[in-house]
Structure formats: structure tokens, C-alpha cells
Amino acid sequence: SDPYVKVSLLCDGRRLKKKKTTIKKNTLNPTYNEAIIFDIPPENMDQVSLLISVMDYDRVGHNEIIGVCRVGVNAEGLGRDHWNEMLAYPRKPIAHWHPLVEVK
């Protein structure tokens, strides 16, 4: 597998921006020590969410989605809790593990 992570900034279900990590070649246990930063005005923080997709890079054909998770105001469970914790402590890195779910 050649995984990478794609993070999409969503507002009202529309993708505003996206950013990607580097591709980690030939591994099933990648580690990403990369910062992905979106500049969001404070007044818009309650309208956006992040869709985090773990992808398998394919040089020929389409990249496959391994799994996704959502973090933000529209997320459920841990994704919403993580978002609220980030809002409570601005400019401080807040780390959590998130399970991936399959895309239907």
C-alpha cells in the first residue's frame, strides 16, 4: 500500500479547500508528522468541518479510499468532541486517535 492523507475543509457540505500529506510508499502502518493548516476566520469556525480521507495512491488508475473520518461541528461522537476541545484551546495542538469508517 502507498497511503497518504487528504484533508478537505467543508462548509455546508461543499469543499472549500483540500490539502494532502506526502505518500508513504510500501507500508501498512504509516506515520505522518505533518501539519495541515487552514486559515479560517473565527466567526466561521461553527460552520466548517474537516473530512479526513486516508487514500491508497495508485500510479495507474484511480486512488482508492481506505477510510474516512470527520471532525467538526457536523461530526458525531469523537469527531465533535475533538472539534470542541480544539475550539476551547485555540492555537494549542490537540491530538486524538480516530477510527476510520468505510465510504458507502
Protein backbone atom coordinates (compact mmCIF):
# COMPACT_ATOMS: atom_id res chain seq x y z
CA SER A 1 0.00 0.00 0.00
CA ASP A 2 1.11 3.59 -0.73
CA PRO A 3 -1.06 5.61 1.67
CA TYR A 4 -1.47 9.35 2.05
CA VAL A 5 -4.00 11.56 3.83
CA LYS A 6 -6.26 14.09 2.15
CA VAL A 7 -7.93 16.71 4.36
CA SER A 8 -10.88 18.64 2.94
CA LEU A 9 -12.28 21.80 4.53
CA LEU A 10 -16.08 21.67 4.18
CA CYS A 11 -18.74 24.33 4.65
CA ASP A 12 -22.41 23.43 4.19
CA GLY A 13 -21.35 20.18 2.50
CA ARG A 14 -19.19 21.96 -0.09
CA ARG A 15 -15.44 21.51 -0.26
CA LEU A 16 -13.72 24.89 0.09
CA LYS A 17 -10.10 23.71 0.19
CA LYS A 18 -8.09 20.49 0.31
CA LYS A 19 -4.56 19.58 1.30
CA LYS A 20 -2.59 16.34 1.16
CA THR A 21 0.27 14.74 3.04
CA THR A 22 3.22 13.05 1.39
CA ILE A 23 2.78 9.49 0.13
CA LYS A 24 4.31 6.83 2.37
CA LYS A 25 5.42 4.11 -0.03
CA ASN A 26 5.09 0.37 0.67
CA THR A 27 3.69 0.49 4.20
CA LEU A 28 0.54 -0.59 6.00
CA ASN A 29 1.48 1.39 9.14
CA PRO A 30 2.34 4.92 8.01
CA THR A 31 3.26 7.71 10.42
CA TYR A 32 2.58 11.29 9.38
CA ASN A 33 4.32 14.02 11.31
CA GLU A 34 2.97 16.82 9.13
CA ALA A 35 0.94 19.91 9.94
CA ILE A 36 -2.00 20.77 7.72
CA ILE A 37 -3.15 24.33 8.30
CA PHE A 38 -6.28 26.09 7.06
CA ASP A 39 -6.79 29.79 7.71
CA ILE A 40 -10.37 30.09 8.99
CA PRO A 41 -11.82 33.33 10.38
CA PRO A 42 -13.05 32.83 13.98
CA GLU A 43 -16.61 33.80 13.04
CA ASN A 44 -16.73 30.87 10.56
CA MET A 45 -15.49 28.16 12.93
CA ASP A 46 -19.02 26.99 13.75
CA GLN A 47 -19.83 26.47 10.04
CA VAL A 48 -16.94 24.27 8.90
CA SER A 49 -15.76 20.71 9.34
CA LEU A 50 -12.86 18.58 8.15
CA LEU A 51 -13.22 15.41 6.13
CA ILE A 52 -10.08 13.32 6.63
CA SER A 53 -9.59 10.62 3.99
CA VAL A 54 -6.85 8.00 4.07
CA MET A 55 -6.09 7.15 0.45
CA ASP A 56 -4.04 4.49 -1.33
CA TYR A 57 -2.03 6.08 -4.12
CA ASP A 58 -2.21 4.30 -7.47
CA ARG A 59 0.06 5.42 -10.29
CA VAL A 60 -2.26 3.83 -12.86
CA GLY A 61 -5.99 4.34 -12.45
CA HIS A 62 -7.78 5.91 -9.50
CA ASN A 63 -6.54 6.34 -5.95
CA GLU A 64 -8.63 4.21 -3.57
CA ILE A 65 -10.21 5.44 -0.34
CA ILE A 66 -9.07 3.28 2.57
CA GLY A 67 -11.36 5.04 5.07
CA VAL A 68 -12.58 8.42 6.30
CA CYS A 69 -13.41 10.31 9.47
CA ARG A 70 -15.00 13.68 10.06
CA VAL A 71 -14.02 16.30 12.63
CA GLY A 72 -16.09 19.41 13.14
CA VAL A 73 -19.39 20.93 14.06
CA ASN A 74 -21.33 18.42 11.91
CA ALA A 75 -19.37 15.38 13.13
CA GLU A 76 -20.67 12.86 15.62
CA GLY A 77 -19.08 11.38 18.73
CA LEU A 78 -15.29 11.72 18.96
CA GLY A 79 -15.12 13.95 15.87
CA ARG A 80 -17.35 16.54 17.51
CA ASP A 81 -15.63 16.17 20.90
CA HIS A 82 -12.22 16.73 19.29
CA TRP A 83 -13.52 19.83 17.49
CA ASN A 84 -14.99 21.29 20.69
CA GLU A 85 -11.72 20.67 22.53
CA MET A 86 -9.79 22.45 19.76
CA LEU A 87 -12.17 25.42 20.00
CA ALA A 88 -11.75 25.54 23.78
CA TYR A 89 -7.93 25.70 23.49
CA PRO A 90 -7.12 27.75 20.37
CA ARG A 91 -3.56 27.64 18.97
CA LYS A 92 -2.79 24.53 21.05
CA PRO A 93 -2.31 21.18 19.26
CA ILE A 94 -4.97 18.69 20.36
CA ALA A 95 -4.28 15.08 19.36
CA HIS A 96 -6.77 12.19 19.27
CA TRP A 97 -6.94 8.82 17.55
CA HIS A 98 -9.95 8.47 15.26
CA PRO A 99 -11.33 5.24 13.79
CA LEU A 100 -11.76 5.19 10.03
CA VAL A 101 -15.10 4.24 8.53
CA GLU A 102 -15.74 2.86 5.07
CA VAL A 103 -17.24 5.11 2.44
CA LYS A 104 -20.59 3.86 1.23
